[in-house]
Amino acid sequence: MAEGIKQSLILEAEGKAESITKVAKANAEKIKVINQSIQQNFKGNAIQYKALETTENALQNGTKYVIDSKSNIMNVMSEASGIVIPEKRK
């Protein structure tokens, strides 16, 4: 009986290890595909993309900004994300 329990625990541990390995490989493949896509399709640079992604995540997670009523919201957001928004041509 003890040998059966031991074998059961070993198989369970091996299953968990295999699951962790598969998830890690899937995450690595995801990162690889995203990086290739950025290089091929994103016309800006990777730093600018990461800044936009960080801003998106911050806004999705309910980050609150206190903005002076005299400030332009676009200027505040561009400063927060590190992205320079070109001014409109007149």
N, C-alpha and C. Protein backbone atom coordinates (compact mmCIF):
# COMPACT_ATOMS: atom_id res chain seq x y z
N MET A 1 0.82 -1.19 0.00
CA MET A 1 0.00 0.00 0.00
C MET A 1 0.87 1.27 0.00
N ALA A 2 1.93 1.26 0.81
CA ALA A 2 2.84 2.39 0.87
C ALA A 2 3.49 2.64 -0.48
N GLU A 3 3.85 1.55 -1.15
CA GLU A 3 4.47 1.68 -2.48
C GLU A 3 3.48 2.30 -3.48
N GLY A 4 2.21 1.95 -3.37
CA GLY A 4 1.18 2.52 -4.23
C GLY A 4 1.01 4.02 -4.01
N ILE A 5 1.01 4.43 -2.76
CA ILE A 5 0.89 5.85 -2.42
C ILE A 5 2.11 6.61 -2.94
N LYS A 6 3.28 6.02 -2.75
CA LYS A 6 4.52 6.63 -3.23
C LYS A 6 4.47 6.83 -4.74
N GLN A 7 4.04 5.79 -5.47
CA GLN A 7 3.97 5.86 -6.94
C GLN A 7 2.94 6.91 -7.37
N SER A 8 1.84 7.00 -6.64
CA SER A 8 0.81 7.99 -6.94
C SER A 8 1.35 9.41 -6.78
N LEU A 9 2.08 9.65 -5.71
CA LEU A 9 2.67 10.97 -5.47
C LEU A 9 3.70 11.32 -6.54
N ILE A 10 4.48 10.33 -6.95
CA ILE A 10 5.49 10.55 -8.00
C ILE A 10 4.80 10.93 -9.30
N LEU A 11 3.77 10.19 -9.67
CA LEU A 11 3.05 10.48 -10.91
C LEU A 11 2.38 11.85 -10.87
N GLU A 12 1.84 12.21 -9.72
CA GLU A 12 1.22 13.53 -9.57
C GLU A 12 2.26 14.62 -9.72
N ALA A 13 3.42 14.48 -9.10
CA ALA A 13 4.49 15.46 -9.21
C ALA A 13 5.00 15.58 -10.65
N GLU A 14 5.14 14.44 -11.32
CA GLU A 14 5.58 14.46 -12.73
C GLU A 14 4.55 15.18 -13.60
N GLY A 15 3.27 14.96 -13.31
CA GLY A 15 2.21 15.64 -14.06
C GLY A 15 2.26 17.14 -13.87
N LYS A 16 2.47 17.58 -12.63
CA LYS A 16 2.57 19.02 -12.36
C LYS A 16 3.79 19.61 -13.05
N ALA A 17 4.91 18.90 -13.01
CA ALA A 17 6.13 19.38 -13.65
C ALA A 17 5.93 19.52 -15.15
N GLU A 18 5.27 18.54 -15.75
CA GLU A 18 5.02 18.59 -17.19
C GLU A 18 4.09 19.76 -17.53
N SER A 19 3.10 19.99 -16.68
CA SER A 19 2.18 21.10 -16.88
C SER A 19 2.91 22.44 -16.82
N ILE A 20 3.78 22.60 -15.85
CA ILE A 20 4.56 23.83 -15.71
C ILE A 20 5.44 24.05 -16.93
N THR A 21 6.06 22.98 -17.40
CA THR A 21 6.93 23.07 -18.58
C THR A 21 6.14 23.49 -19.81
N LYS A 22 4.95 22.91 -20.00
CA LYS A 22 4.12 23.25 -21.16
C LYS A 22 3.65 24.71 -21.11
N VAL A 23 3.28 25.17 -19.93
CA VAL A 23 2.85 26.57 -19.79
C VAL A 23 4.02 27.51 -20.08
N ALA A 24 5.20 27.18 -19.57
CA ALA A 24 6.38 28.01 -19.80
C ALA A 24 6.72 28.07 -21.29
N LYS A 25 6.64 26.92 -21.97
CA LYS A 25 6.91 26.91 -23.41
C LYS A 25 5.87 27.72 -24.18
N ALA A 26 4.62 27.63 -23.78
CA ALA A 26 3.56 28.41 -24.44
C ALA A 26 3.79 29.90 -24.23
N ASN A 27 4.18 30.30 -23.02
CA ASN A 27 4.46 31.72 -22.76
C ASN A 27 5.66 32.20 -23.56
N ALA A 28 6.68 31.37 -23.68
CA ALA A 28 7.87 31.73 -24.47
C ALA A 28 7.48 31.91 -25.94
N GLU A 29 6.64 31.03 -26.44
CA GLU A 29 6.18 31.14 -27.84
C GLU A 29 5.35 32.40 -28.04
N LYS A 30 4.52 32.73 -27.05
CA LYS A 30 3.71 33.95 -27.12
C LYS A 30 4.61 35.18 -27.21
N ILE A 31 5.63 35.23 -26.36
CA ILE A 31 6.57 36.35 -26.36
C ILE A 31 7.29 36.44 -27.71
N LYS A 32 7.69 35.28 -28.23
CA LYS A 32 8.39 35.24 -29.52
C LYS A 32 7.50 35.80 -30.63
N VAL A 33 6.25 35.37 -30.67
CA VAL A 33 5.32 35.82 -31.71
C VAL A 33 5.06 37.32 -31.59
N ILE A 34 4.88 37.79 -30.37
CA ILE A 34 4.64 39.23 -30.16
C ILE A 34 5.84 40.04 -30.62
N ASN A 35 7.04 39.60 -30.24
CA ASN A 35 8.25 40.33 -30.64
C ASN A 35 8.43 40.35 -32.15
N GLN A 36 8.17 39.22 -32.79
CA GLN A 36 8.27 39.18 -34.26
C GLN A 36 7.25 40.11 -34.89
N SER A 37 6.05 40.12 -34.36
CA SER A 37 5.01 40.98 -34.88
C SER A 37 5.36 42.46 -34.71
N ILE A 38 5.92 42.80 -33.57
CA ILE A 38 6.34 44.18 -33.33
C ILE A 38 7.39 44.59 -34.35
N GLN A 39 8.37 43.74 -34.55
CA GLN A 39 9.46 44.06 -35.48
C GLN A 39 8.95 44.20 -36.91
N GLN A 40 7.98 43.38 -37.30
CA GLN A 40 7.49 43.39 -38.67
C GLN A 40 6.43 44.46 -38.90
N ASN A 41 5.58 44.72 -37.91
CA ASN A 41 4.41 45.54 -38.16
C ASN A 41 4.37 46.88 -37.43
N PHE A 42 5.11 47.01 -36.34
CA PHE A 42 5.05 48.25 -35.58
C PHE A 42 6.08 49.21 -36.13
N LYS A 43 5.62 50.30 -36.68
CA LYS A 43 6.51 51.22 -37.37
C LYS A 43 7.33 52.09 -36.42
N GLY A 44 6.90 52.24 -35.18
CA GLY A 44 7.68 52.97 -34.19
C GLY A 44 8.76 52.06 -33.65
N ASN A 45 9.27 52.35 -32.49
CA ASN A 45 10.27 51.45 -31.92
C ASN A 45 9.68 50.68 -30.75
N ALA A 46 10.38 49.67 -30.31
CA ALA A 46 9.87 48.78 -29.27
C ALA A 46 9.65 49.50 -27.94
N ILE A 47 10.47 50.49 -27.64
CA ILE A 47 10.32 51.23 -26.39
C ILE A 47 8.99 51.99 -26.41
N GLN A 48 8.67 52.58 -27.54
CA GLN A 48 7.41 53.31 -27.65
C GLN A 48 6.23 52.35 -27.52
N TYR A 49 6.35 51.17 -28.12
CA TYR A 49 5.29 50.16 -28.00
C TYR A 49 5.10 49.75 -26.55
N LYS A 50 6.19 49.51 -25.84
CA LYS A 50 6.11 49.10 -24.44
C LYS A 50 5.49 50.21 -23.59
N ALA A 51 5.81 51.46 -23.89
CA ALA A 51 5.21 52.58 -23.15
C ALA A 51 3.70 52.61 -23.36
N LEU A 52 3.26 52.38 -24.59
CA LEU A 52 1.83 52.34 -24.87
C LEU A 52 1.16 51.17 -24.15
N GLU A 53 1.81 50.03 -24.17
CA GLU A 53 1.28 48.84 -23.50
C GLU A 53 1.17 49.08 -21.99
N THR A 54 2.18 49.71 -21.41
CA THR A 54 2.17 50.01 -19.97
C THR A 54 1.04 50.98 -19.64
N THR A 55 0.85 51.98 -20.47
CA THR A 55 -0.24 52.93 -20.26
C THR A 55 -1.58 52.24 -20.34
N GLU A 56 -1.75 51.37 -21.33
CA GLU A 56 -2.99 50.61 -21.47
C GLU A 56 -3.27 49.78 -20.22
N ASN A 57 -2.26 49.08 -19.73
CA ASN A 57 -2.43 48.26 -18.54
C ASN A 57 -2.79 49.11 -17.32
N ALA A 58 -2.14 50.26 -17.19
CA ALA A 58 -2.42 51.14 -16.05
C ALA A 58 -3.86 51.63 -16.09
N LEU A 59 -4.34 51.99 -17.26
CA LEU A 59 -5.70 52.49 -17.38
C LEU A 59 -6.72 51.38 -17.16
N GLN A 60 -6.41 50.15 -17.59
CA GLN A 60 -7.32 49.03 -17.39
C GLN A 60 -7.44 48.67 -15.92
N ASN A 61 -6.39 48.87 -15.16
CA ASN A 61 -6.38 48.48 -13.76
C ASN A 61 -6.92 49.57 -12.84
N GLY A 62 -7.51 50.58 -13.41
CA GLY A 62 -8.15 51.59 -12.60
C GLY A 62 -7.22 52.62 -12.00
N THR A 63 -6.06 52.83 -12.60
CA THR A 63 -5.15 53.87 -12.11
C THR A 63 -5.86 55.21 -12.20
N LYS A 64 -5.76 55.98 -11.15
CA LYS A 64 -6.44 57.27 -11.13
C LYS A 64 -5.42 58.39 -11.31
N TYR A 65 -5.78 59.37 -12.11
CA TYR A 65 -4.94 60.54 -12.34
C TYR A 65 -5.72 61.76 -11.88
N VAL A 66 -5.05 62.63 -11.16
CA VAL A 66 -5.65 63.91 -10.78
C VAL A 66 -5.07 64.94 -11.74
N ILE A 67 -5.95 65.56 -12.51
CA ILE A 67 -5.51 66.46 -13.56
C ILE A 67 -6.06 67.85 -13.29
N ASP A 68 -5.19 68.82 -13.37
CA ASP A 68 -5.58 70.22 -13.22
C ASP A 68 -6.59 70.56 -14.31
N SER A 69 -7.62 71.28 -13.97
CA SER A 69 -8.66 71.61 -14.95
C SER A 69 -8.12 72.47 -16.09
N LYS A 70 -6.97 73.09 -15.90
CA LYS A 70 -6.38 73.91 -16.95
C LYS A 70 -5.48 73.10 -17.87
N SER A 71 -5.25 71.83 -17.52
CA SER A 71 -4.35 70.99 -18.31
C SER A 71 -5.09 70.34 -19.47
N ASN A 72 -4.35 70.04 -20.50
CA ASN A 72 -4.87 69.30 -21.64
C ASN A 72 -4.69 67.81 -21.35
N ILE A 73 -5.78 67.06 -21.38
CA ILE A 73 -5.72 65.62 -21.04
C ILE A 73 -4.75 64.87 -21.95
N MET A 74 -4.65 65.23 -23.21
CA MET A 74 -3.74 64.55 -24.13
C MET A 74 -2.29 64.78 -23.72
N ASN A 75 -1.97 65.99 -23.28
CA ASN A 75 -0.61 66.27 -22.84
C ASN A 75 -0.27 65.48 -21.59
N VAL A 76 -1.21 65.39 -20.66
CA VAL A 76 -0.98 64.66 -19.42
C VAL A 76 -0.75 63.18 -19.71
N MET A 77 -1.59 62.59 -20.56
CA MET A 77 -1.46 61.17 -20.88
C MET A 77 -0.19 60.89 -21.67
N SER A 78 0.18 61.79 -22.56
CA SER A 78 1.41 61.56 -23.32
C SER A 78 2.63 61.63 -22.40
N GLU A 79 2.60 62.52 -21.43
CA GLU A 79 3.71 62.58 -20.47
C GLU A 79 3.74 61.34 -19.59
N ALA A 80 2.58 60.85 -19.18
CA ALA A 80 2.51 59.67 -18.33
C ALA A 80 3.02 58.43 -19.05
N SER A 81 2.75 58.35 -20.35
CA SER A 81 3.16 57.16 -21.10
C SER A 81 4.54 57.32 -21.72
N GLY A 82 5.06 58.54 -21.76
CA GLY A 82 6.37 58.75 -22.36
C GLY A 82 6.29 58.90 -23.87
N ILE A 83 5.10 59.09 -24.38
CA ILE A 83 4.89 59.22 -25.83
C ILE A 83 4.65 60.68 -26.16
N VAL A 84 5.31 61.17 -27.18
CA VAL A 84 5.11 62.55 -27.62
C VAL A 84 4.05 62.54 -28.71
N ILE A 85 2.97 63.27 -28.47
CA ILE A 85 1.90 63.38 -29.46
C ILE A 85 2.16 64.63 -30.28
N PRO A 86 2.28 64.47 -31.60
CA PRO A 86 2.54 65.65 -32.43
C PRO A 86 1.37 66.63 -32.39
N GLU A 87 1.71 67.91 -32.41
CA GLU A 87 0.67 68.92 -32.40
C GLU A 87 -0.01 68.97 -33.76
N LYS A 88 -1.28 69.41 -33.75
CA LYS A 88 -2.02 69.55 -35.01
C LYS A 88 -1.42 70.69 -35.80
N ARG A 89 -1.34 70.48 -37.10
CA ARG A 89 -0.85 71.54 -37.98
C ARG A 89 -1.98 72.51 -38.24
N LYS A 90 -1.63 73.77 -38.29
CA LYS A 90 -2.65 74.81 -38.52
C LYS A 90 -2.71 75.16 -39.98
